[in-house]
Amino acid sequence: MAKQILYVLFLFLLSTTMELTTASSAAPAGTSKRDVNFIQASCKSTTYPTVCFSSLSGYANSIQTSPQRLAETALTVTVNQAQSTKVFVSRLARFKGLKKREVQAIRDCIEEISDTVDRLTKSVQEVKMCGRAKGRDQFWFHMSNAQTWTSAALTNAITCSDGFARRIMDGRIKNSVRARIVNLGRGTSNALALINAFAKKY
């Protein structure tokens, strides 16, 4: 069991290091300062502006100064993060020696994160449809869907974390899972804020 726990911690530290390295990377060479400033200014409206800017600045060339592409990119980045979190938590379920409560919490969490991936993916499609909308009614139909799906995804992340909330669940498994869920929640919250900001531009 001790070796399994150490392996879990290794996976967590490795994935966290990779995410931090990616997040802290500077914008690509040749990126317009205007585009970078746009992302930085837009991220100020989010709950976690530093996380927002560090995760999106590398896409400045494709985002440029488009609120739609900014929201779409934020969602896509969060989908990838959710998929990575799902894989991480799924691996934990394979370890032997887990407490029954841990096994159940992990299984519930996998289900919640699977729903999160699905809902965020749908949100990406809805934001894309906003750009193709013909008229106000079509725009707000797709925008409302995107907001609803993203809000539901955020609720799923919180529900997963709540499954490990009790003190009896304290330990390395809980800490590893909740750390990933916290990061996913922040990304989802930021994506929702950028979707709402895009809606205000219509």
C-alpha atoms as a PDB file:
ATOM      1  CA  MET A   1       0.000   0.000   0.000  1.00  0.00           C
ATOM      2  CA  ALA A   2       2.863   2.352   0.874  1.00  0.00           C
ATOM      3  CA  LYS A   3       4.350   1.909  -2.587  1.00  0.00           C
ATOM      4  CA  GLN A   4       0.965   2.611  -4.165  1.00  0.00           C
ATOM      5  CA  ILE A   5       0.564   5.800  -2.173  1.00  0.00           C
ATOM      6  CA  LEU A   6       4.037   6.931  -3.183  1.00  0.00           C
ATOM      7  CA  TYR A   7       3.125   6.201  -6.811  1.00  0.00           C
ATOM      8  CA  VAL A   8      -0.039   8.263  -6.468  1.00  0.00           C
ATOM      9  CA  LEU A   9       1.950  11.149  -5.065  1.00  0.00           C
ATOM     10  CA  PHE A  10       4.478  10.815  -7.874  1.00  0.00           C
ATOM     11  CA  LEU A  11       1.701  10.987 -10.480  1.00  0.00           C
ATOM     12  CA  PHE A  12       0.160  13.981  -8.758  1.00  0.00           C
ATOM     13  CA  LEU A  13       3.447  15.887  -8.469  1.00  0.00           C
ATOM     14  CA  LEU A  14       4.400  15.066 -12.049  1.00  0.00           C
ATOM     15  CA  SER A  15       1.067  16.183 -13.480  1.00  0.00           C
ATOM     16  CA  THR A  16       1.042  19.306 -11.319  1.00  0.00           C
ATOM     17  CA  THR A  17       4.567  20.208 -12.407  1.00  0.00           C
ATOM     18  CA  MET A  18       3.625  19.746 -16.062  1.00  0.00           C
ATOM     19  CA  GLU A  19       0.542  21.928 -15.647  1.00  0.00           C
ATOM     20  CA  LEU A  20       2.487  24.657 -13.881  1.00  0.00           C
ATOM     21  CA  THR A  21       5.175  24.570 -16.547  1.00  0.00           C
ATOM     22  CA  THR A  22       2.567  24.870 -19.277  1.00  0.00           C
ATOM     23  CA  ALA A  23       0.648  27.559 -17.435  1.00  0.00           C
ATOM     24  CA  SER A  24       3.677  29.700 -16.757  1.00  0.00           C
ATOM     25  CA  SER A  25       5.013  29.536 -20.294  1.00  0.00           C
ATOM     26  CA  ALA A  26       5.269  32.855 -22.035  1.00  0.00           C
ATOM     27  CA  ALA A  27       3.246  33.766 -25.082  1.00  0.00           C
ATOM     28  CA  PRO A  28       4.714  32.464 -28.383  1.00  0.00           C
ATOM     29  CA  ALA A  29       7.364  34.526 -30.101  1.00  0.00           C
ATOM     30  CA  GLY A  30       5.899  37.068 -32.471  1.00  0.00           C
ATOM     31  CA  THR A  31       2.680  37.392 -30.517  1.00  0.00           C
ATOM     32  CA  SER A  32       1.023  40.776 -30.770  1.00  0.00           C
ATOM     33  CA  LYS A  33       1.220  42.787 -27.570  1.00  0.00           C
ATOM     34  CA  ARG A  34      -2.322  43.951 -28.278  1.00  0.00           C
ATOM     35  CA  ASP A  35      -3.553  40.335 -28.254  1.00  0.00           C
ATOM     36  CA  VAL A  36      -1.752  39.559 -24.994  1.00  0.00           C
ATOM     37  CA  ASN A  37      -3.103  42.739 -23.395  1.00  0.00           C
ATOM     38  CA  PHE A  38      -6.605  41.765 -24.491  1.00  0.00           C
ATOM     39  CA  ILE A  39      -6.347  38.406 -22.734  1.00  0.00           C
ATOM     40  CA  GLN A  40      -4.865  39.989 -19.623  1.00  0.00           C
ATOM     41  CA  ALA A  41      -7.606  42.619 -19.461  1.00  0.00           C
ATOM     42  CA  SER A  42     -10.328  40.041 -20.082  1.00  0.00           C
ATOM     43  CA  CYS A  43      -8.987  37.756 -17.362  1.00  0.00           C
ATOM     44  CA  LYS A  44      -9.390  40.523 -14.793  1.00  0.00           C
ATOM     45  CA  SER A  45     -13.141  39.860 -14.879  1.00  0.00           C
ATOM     46  CA  THR A  46     -12.650  36.239 -13.790  1.00  0.00           C
ATOM     47  CA  THR A  47     -12.445  34.860 -10.262  1.00  0.00           C
ATOM     48  CA  TYR A  48      -8.900  33.614 -10.781  1.00  0.00           C
ATOM     49  CA  PRO A  49      -7.237  36.110 -13.156  1.00  0.00           C
ATOM     50  CA  THR A  50      -3.686  34.804 -12.736  1.00  0.00           C
ATOM     51  CA  VAL A  51      -4.750  31.240 -13.577  1.00  0.00           C
ATOM     52  CA  CYS A  52      -6.806  32.587 -16.464  1.00  0.00           C
ATOM     53  CA  PHE A  53      -3.973  34.548 -18.046  1.00  0.00           C
ATOM     54  CA  SER A  54      -1.324  31.875 -17.558  1.00  0.00           C
ATOM     55  CA  SER A  55      -3.531  29.196 -19.131  1.00  0.00           C
ATOM     56  CA  LEU A  56      -4.634  31.293 -22.120  1.00  0.00           C
ATOM     57  CA  SER A  57      -1.749  33.615 -22.992  1.00  0.00           C
ATOM     58  CA  GLY A  58      -0.080  30.851 -25.008  1.00  0.00           C
ATOM     59  CA  TYR A  59      -3.056  30.934 -27.399  1.00  0.00           C
ATOM     60  CA  ALA A  60      -2.891  34.688 -28.013  1.00  0.00           C
ATOM     61  CA  ASN A  61      -2.125  34.263 -31.727  1.00  0.00           C
ATOM     62  CA  SER A  62      -5.355  32.346 -32.332  1.00  0.00           C
ATOM     63  CA  ILE A  63      -7.512  34.299 -29.868  1.00  0.00           C
ATOM     64  CA  GLN A  64      -6.326  37.738 -30.988  1.00  0.00           C
ATOM     65  CA  THR A  65      -8.953  40.163 -29.633  1.00  0.00           C
ATOM     66  CA  SER A  66     -12.048  37.990 -30.120  1.00  0.00           C
ATOM     67  CA  PRO A  67     -14.256  37.489 -27.015  1.00  0.00           C
ATOM     68  CA  GLN A  68     -15.779  34.447 -28.711  1.00  0.00           C
ATOM     69  CA  ARG A  69     -12.443  32.764 -29.428  1.00  0.00           C
ATOM     70  CA  LEU A  70     -11.306  33.621 -25.893  1.00  0.00           C
ATOM     71  CA  ALA A  71     -14.356  31.901 -24.364  1.00  0.00           C
ATOM     72  CA  GLU A  72     -14.066  28.963 -26.750  1.00  0.00           C
ATOM     73  CA  THR A  73     -10.358  28.506 -25.985  1.00  0.00           C
ATOM     74  CA  ALA A  74     -10.954  28.735 -22.237  1.00  0.00           C
ATOM     75  CA  LEU A  75     -13.563  25.985 -22.522  1.00  0.00           C
ATOM     76  CA  THR A  76     -11.322  23.794 -24.684  1.00  0.00           C
ATOM     77  CA  VAL A  77      -8.431  24.137 -22.231  1.00  0.00           C
ATOM     78  CA  THR A  78     -10.797  23.208 -19.406  1.00  0.00           C
ATOM     79  CA  VAL A  79     -12.107  20.170 -21.309  1.00  0.00           C
ATOM     80  CA  ASN A  80      -8.520  18.930 -21.608  1.00  0.00           C
ATOM     81  CA  GLN A  81      -7.992  19.569 -17.915  1.00  0.00           C
ATOM     82  CA  ALA A  82     -11.159  17.649 -17.058  1.00  0.00           C
ATOM     83  CA  GLN A  83     -10.098  14.710 -19.205  1.00  0.00           C
ATOM     84  CA  SER A  84      -6.703  14.660 -17.513  1.00  0.00           C
ATOM     85  CA  THR A  85      -8.382  14.755 -14.101  1.00  0.00           C
ATOM     86  CA  LYS A  86     -10.668  11.869 -15.063  1.00  0.00           C
ATOM     87  CA  VAL A  87      -7.670   9.732 -16.072  1.00  0.00           C
ATOM     88  CA  PHE A  88      -5.856  10.598 -12.847  1.00  0.00           C
ATOM     89  CA  VAL A  89      -8.812   9.717 -10.600  1.00  0.00           C
ATOM     90  CA  SER A  90      -9.566   6.550 -12.598  1.00  0.00           C
ATOM     91  CA  ARG A  91      -6.043   5.295 -11.914  1.00  0.00           C
ATOM     92  CA  LEU A  92      -6.578   5.746  -8.201  1.00  0.00           C
ATOM     93  CA  ALA A  93      -9.545   3.357  -8.304  1.00  0.00           C
ATOM     94  CA  ARG A  94      -7.245   0.511  -9.367  1.00  0.00           C
ATOM     95  CA  PHE A  95      -5.159   0.538  -6.216  1.00  0.00           C
ATOM     96  CA  LYS A  96      -5.664  -2.135  -3.604  1.00  0.00           C
ATOM     97  CA  GLY A  97      -6.075  -1.427   0.081  1.00  0.00           C
ATOM     98  CA  LEU A  98      -8.337   1.594  -0.296  1.00  0.00           C
ATOM     99  CA  LYS A  99     -11.006   2.240   2.317  1.00  0.00           C
ATOM    100  CA  LYS A 100     -14.561   1.449   1.244  1.00  0.00           C
ATOM    101  CA  ARG A 101     -15.480   5.111   1.585  1.00  0.00           C
ATOM    102  CA  GLU A 102     -12.513   6.071  -0.605  1.00  0.00           C
ATOM    103  CA  VAL A 103     -13.528   3.570  -3.284  1.00  0.00           C
ATOM    104  CA  GLN A 104     -17.089   4.908  -3.353  1.00  0.00           C
ATOM    105  CA  ALA A 105     -15.961   8.533  -3.355  1.00  0.00           C
ATOM    106  CA  ILE A 106     -13.560   7.835  -6.222  1.00  0.00           C
ATOM    107  CA  ARG A 107     -16.253   6.057  -8.249  1.00  0.00           C
ATOM    108  CA  ASP A 108     -18.705   8.903  -7.679  1.00  0.00           C
ATOM    109  CA  CYS A 109     -16.010  11.406  -8.617  1.00  0.00           C
ATOM    110  CA  ILE A 110     -15.218   9.593 -11.866  1.00  0.00           C
ATOM    111  CA  GLU A 111     -18.898   9.773 -12.791  1.00  0.00           C
ATOM    112  CA  GLU A 112     -19.063  13.477 -11.945  1.00  0.00           C
ATOM    113  CA  ILE A 113     -15.921  14.285 -13.935  1.00  0.00           C
ATOM    114  CA  SER A 114     -17.182  12.254 -16.903  1.00  0.00           C
ATOM    115  CA  ASP A 115     -20.295  14.418 -16.873  1.00  0.00           C
ATOM    116  CA  THR A 116     -18.076  17.491 -16.589  1.00  0.00           C
ATOM    117  CA  VAL A 117     -16.150  16.496 -19.721  1.00  0.00           C
ATOM    118  CA  ASP A 118     -19.414  15.912 -21.598  1.00  0.00           C
ATOM    119  CA  ARG A 119     -20.990  19.208 -20.505  1.00  0.00           C
ATOM    120  CA  LEU A 120     -17.921  21.307 -21.218  1.00  0.00           C
ATOM    121  CA  THR A 121     -17.611  19.701 -24.653  1.00  0.00           C
ATOM    122  CA  LYS A 122     -21.222  20.651 -25.359  1.00  0.00           C
ATOM    123  CA  SER A 123     -20.467  24.189 -24.181  1.00  0.00           C
ATOM    124  CA  VAL A 124     -17.638  24.480 -26.704  1.00  0.00           C
ATOM    125  CA  GLN A 125     -20.055  23.566 -29.482  1.00  0.00           C
ATOM    126  CA  GLU A 126     -22.667  26.038 -28.255  1.00  0.00           C
ATOM    127  CA  VAL A 127     -20.145  28.902 -28.168  1.00  0.00           C
ATOM    128  CA  LYS A 128     -19.130  28.025 -31.723  1.00  0.00           C
ATOM    129  CA  MET A 129     -22.787  28.152 -32.731  1.00  0.00           C
ATOM    130  CA  CYS A 130     -23.070  31.605 -31.171  1.00  0.00           C
ATOM    131  CA  GLY A 131     -20.644  32.826 -33.806  1.00  0.00           C
ATOM    132  CA  ARG A 132     -22.816  31.394 -36.570  1.00  0.00           C
ATOM    133  CA  ALA A 133     -26.107  32.577 -35.129  1.00  0.00           C
ATOM    134  CA  LYS A 134     -28.460  34.471 -37.411  1.00  0.00           C
ATOM    135  CA  GLY A 135     -30.115  37.028 -35.227  1.00  0.00           C
ATOM    136  CA  ARG A 136     -30.497  37.738 -31.549  1.00  0.00           C
ATOM    137  CA  ASP A 137     -32.810  34.816 -30.745  1.00  0.00           C
ATOM    138  CA  GLN A 138     -30.436  32.222 -32.149  1.00  0.00           C
ATOM    139  CA  PHE A 139     -27.478  33.789 -30.387  1.00  0.00           C
ATOM    140  CA  TRP A 140     -29.160  33.788 -26.993  1.00  0.00           C
ATOM    141  CA  PHE A 141     -30.453  30.241 -27.463  1.00  0.00           C
ATOM    142  CA  HIS A 142     -26.913  28.931 -27.898  1.00  0.00           C
ATOM    143  CA  MET A 143     -25.485  31.302 -25.295  1.00  0.00           C
ATOM    144  CA  SER A 144     -28.020  30.146 -22.711  1.00  0.00           C
ATOM    145  CA  ASN A 145     -27.090  26.536 -23.436  1.00  0.00           C
ATOM    146  CA  ALA A 146     -23.383  27.279 -23.043  1.00  0.00           C
ATOM    147  CA  GLN A 147     -23.945  29.036 -19.731  1.00  0.00           C
ATOM    148  CA  THR A 148     -26.146  26.211 -18.459  1.00  0.00           C
ATOM    149  CA  TRP A 149     -23.734  23.433 -19.447  1.00  0.00           C
ATOM    150  CA  THR A 150     -20.734  25.224 -17.970  1.00  0.00           C
ATOM    151  CA  SER A 151     -22.540  25.987 -14.719  1.00  0.00           C
ATOM    152  CA  ALA A 152     -23.525  22.322 -14.465  1.00  0.00           C
ATOM    153  CA  ALA A 153     -19.913  21.290 -15.073  1.00  0.00           C
ATOM    154  CA  LEU A 154     -18.797  23.541 -12.235  1.00  0.00           C
ATOM    155  CA  THR A 155     -21.420  21.978  -9.946  1.00  0.00           C
ATOM    156  CA  ASN A 156     -20.124  18.515 -10.845  1.00  0.00           C
ATOM    157  CA  ALA A 157     -16.591  19.464  -9.847  1.00  0.00           C
ATOM    158  CA  ILE A 158     -17.832  20.771  -6.492  1.00  0.00           C
ATOM    159  CA  THR A 159     -19.875  17.594  -5.940  1.00  0.00           C
ATOM    160  CA  CYS A 160     -16.810  15.444  -6.561  1.00  0.00           C
ATOM    161  CA  SER A 161     -14.810  17.443  -4.035  1.00  0.00           C
ATOM    162  CA  ASP A 162     -17.636  17.224  -1.487  1.00  0.00           C
ATOM    163  CA  GLY A 163     -17.377  13.436  -1.600  1.00  0.00           C
ATOM    164  CA  PHE A 164     -14.022  13.729   0.158  1.00  0.00           C
ATOM    165  CA  ALA A 165     -15.106  16.427   2.594  1.00  0.00           C
ATOM    166  CA  ARG A 166     -15.565  14.358   5.745  1.00  0.00           C
ATOM    167  CA  ARG A 167     -12.675  14.106   8.201  1.00  0.00           C
ATOM    168  CA  ILE A 168     -12.729  10.316   8.022  1.00  0.00           C
ATOM    169  CA  MET A 169     -11.580  10.697   4.413  1.00  0.00           C
ATOM    170  CA  ASP A 170      -8.454  12.642   5.401  1.00  0.00           C
ATOM    171  CA  GLY A 171      -5.277  11.323   3.814  1.00  0.00           C
ATOM    172  CA  ARG A 172      -3.132  11.420   0.720  1.00  0.00           C
ATOM    173  CA  ILE A 173      -5.833  10.134  -1.635  1.00  0.00           C
ATOM    174  CA  LYS A 174      -8.172  12.918  -0.551  1.00  0.00           C
ATOM    175  CA  ASN A 175      -5.464  15.572  -0.871  1.00  0.00           C
ATOM    176  CA  SER A 176      -4.445  14.379  -4.331  1.00  0.00           C
ATOM    177  CA  VAL A 177      -7.988  14.285  -5.691  1.00  0.00           C
ATOM    178  CA  ARG A 178      -9.129  17.558  -4.163  1.00  0.00           C
ATOM    179  CA  ALA A 179      -6.047  19.406  -5.431  1.00  0.00           C
ATOM    180  CA  ARG A 180      -6.899  18.367  -8.988  1.00  0.00           C
ATOM    181  CA  ILE A 181     -10.572  19.202  -8.518  1.00  0.00           C
ATOM    182  CA  VAL A 182      -9.733  22.648  -7.138  1.00  0.00           C
ATOM    183  CA  ASN A 183      -7.704  23.410 -10.267  1.00  0.00           C
ATOM    184  CA  LEU A 184     -10.482  22.105 -12.499  1.00  0.00           C
ATOM    185  CA  GLY A 185     -13.042  24.190 -10.630  1.00  0.00           C
ATOM    186  CA  ARG A 186     -10.968  27.319 -11.099  1.00  0.00           C
ATOM    187  CA  GLY A 187     -10.607  26.702 -14.824  1.00  0.00           C
ATOM    188  CA  THR A 188     -14.325  26.065 -15.198  1.00  0.00           C
ATOM    189  CA  SER A 189     -15.216  29.153 -13.172  1.00  0.00           C
ATOM    190  CA  ASN A 190     -12.947  31.281 -15.353  1.00  0.00           C
ATOM    191  CA  ALA A 191     -14.419  29.816 -18.538  1.00  0.00           C
ATOM    192  CA  LEU A 192     -17.918  30.654 -17.331  1.00  0.00           C
ATOM    193  CA  ALA A 193     -16.881  34.233 -16.578  1.00  0.00           C
ATOM    194  CA  LEU A 194     -15.435  34.610 -20.074  1.00  0.00           C
ATOM    195  CA  ILE A 195     -18.605  33.160 -21.624  1.00  0.00           C
ATOM    196  CA  ASN A 196     -20.637  35.725 -19.709  1.00  0.00           C
ATOM    197  CA  ALA A 197     -18.280  38.485 -20.841  1.00  0.00           C
ATOM    198  CA  PHE A 198     -18.716  37.358 -24.449  1.00  0.00           C
ATOM    199  CA  ALA A 199     -22.493  37.490 -24.003  1.00  0.00           C
ATOM    200  CA  LYS A 200     -22.281  41.111 -22.872  1.00  0.00           C
ATOM    201  CA  LYS A 201     -20.472  42.030 -26.094  1.00  0.00           C
ATOM    202  CA  TYR A 202     -23.403  40.948 -28.255  1.00  0.00           C
END
